[in-house]
Amino acid sequence: MGHHLHENFNAAEEWKAARLTEIEFEEMARALKAVAKAHDRSCDDLLDTFARQGLAAALSLLAASDGAGTTAEYYNHRSPASS
C-alpha cells in the first residue's frame, strides 16, 4: 500500500513541476511579446528564437535590434507588480 502511495505522490509532483514550467514559459513569452509590441516589432521571429534557443538568445535578438534597454523592459514586464 505504501509503495503505491509513493508512486502516486511522485507522479503528482512531476505533473506539478511540468505545469509550473509551462506557466513560466507562457509568462516569459507574454513579456517578450509586450516588449516587442512596444517597439513595433514582429513577435514571430522573437518567439521562434525563444522556443528554439532560449531566453538569452531572444533577449540578445531584441537588444541587437532595439537597444540594450529592451532587456530591462523585459524584466520589468516579468516583475510581479506588472501583472
Protein backbone atom coordinates (compact mmCIF):
# COMPACT_ATOMS: atom_id res chain seq x y z
CA MET A 1 0.00 0.00 0.00
CA GLY A 2 2.72 2.46 0.94
CA HIS A 3 4.55 1.75 -2.31
CA HIS A 4 1.50 2.79 -4.37
CA LEU A 5 1.08 5.99 -2.39
CA HIS A 6 4.71 6.85 -3.09
CA GLU A 7 4.24 6.27 -6.85
CA ASN A 8 1.13 8.45 -6.90
CA PHE A 9 2.91 11.21 -5.00
CA ASN A 10 5.84 11.17 -7.43
CA ALA A 11 3.52 11.33 -10.44
CA ALA A 12 1.60 14.23 -8.93
CA GLU A 13 4.81 16.11 -8.13
CA GLU A 14 6.15 15.53 -11.63
CA TRP A 15 2.91 16.82 -13.13
CA LYS A 16 3.00 19.88 -10.87
CA ALA A 17 6.61 20.65 -11.83
CA ALA A 18 5.82 20.27 -15.53
CA ARG A 19 2.80 22.58 -15.22
CA LEU A 20 4.81 25.22 -13.37
CA THR A 21 7.45 25.07 -16.10
CA GLU A 22 4.73 25.53 -18.73
CA ILE A 23 3.29 28.52 -16.88
CA GLU A 24 6.76 30.07 -16.59
CA PHE A 25 7.34 29.61 -20.34
CA GLU A 26 3.99 31.27 -21.09
CA GLU A 27 4.81 34.21 -18.83
CA MET A 28 8.21 34.68 -20.48
CA ALA A 29 6.58 34.62 -23.91
CA ARG A 30 3.95 37.14 -22.77
CA ALA A 31 6.64 39.53 -21.54
CA LEU A 32 8.67 39.14 -24.76
CA LYS A 33 5.54 39.91 -26.81
CA ALA A 34 4.84 43.02 -24.74
CA VAL A 35 8.35 44.38 -25.28
CA ALA A 36 8.25 43.57 -28.99
CA LYS A 37 4.90 45.31 -29.40
CA ALA A 38 6.17 48.35 -27.50
CA HIS A 39 8.90 48.65 -30.15
CA ASP A 40 6.56 47.96 -33.10
CA ARG A 41 8.40 44.75 -33.78
CA SER A 42 7.04 41.45 -35.09
CA CYS A 43 6.81 38.79 -32.39
CA ASP A 44 7.15 35.78 -34.69
CA ASP A 45 10.93 35.68 -35.09
CA LEU A 46 11.44 36.64 -31.46
CA LEU A 47 9.20 33.85 -30.15
CA ASP A 48 10.74 31.37 -32.58
CA THR A 49 14.19 32.25 -31.27
CA PHE A 50 12.92 31.94 -27.70
CA ALA A 51 11.42 28.50 -28.34
CA ARG A 52 14.45 27.16 -30.20
CA GLN A 53 17.39 28.79 -28.44
CA GLY A 54 16.10 30.09 -25.12
CA LEU A 55 15.55 33.35 -23.33
CA ALA A 56 19.11 34.64 -23.59
CA ALA A 57 19.05 34.36 -27.38
CA ALA A 58 15.67 36.09 -27.61
CA LEU A 59 16.84 38.93 -25.38
CA SER A 60 20.02 39.26 -27.44
CA LEU A 61 17.91 39.49 -30.60
CA LEU A 62 15.80 42.23 -29.03
CA ALA A 63 18.83 44.12 -27.77
CA ALA A 64 20.58 43.90 -31.15
CA SER A 65 17.65 45.45 -32.99
CA ASP A 66 16.03 47.70 -30.40
CA GLY A 67 18.78 48.60 -27.95
CA ALA A 68 20.11 47.25 -24.68
CA GLY A 69 17.25 48.81 -22.71
CA THR A 70 14.86 46.20 -24.04
CA THR A 71 16.31 43.60 -21.67
CA ALA A 72 15.42 45.82 -18.72
CA GLU A 73 11.95 46.29 -20.20
CA TYR A 74 11.55 42.52 -20.38
CA TYR A 75 12.41 42.09 -16.71
CA ASN A 76 10.08 44.95 -15.84
CA HIS A 77 7.24 43.10 -17.59
CA ARG A 78 8.17 39.92 -15.71
CA SER A 79 8.06 41.57 -12.31
CA PRO A 80 5.05 40.71 -10.12
CA ALA A 81 3.98 44.35 -9.95
CA SER A 82 3.37 44.50 -13.71
CA SER A 83 0.96 41.54 -13.76
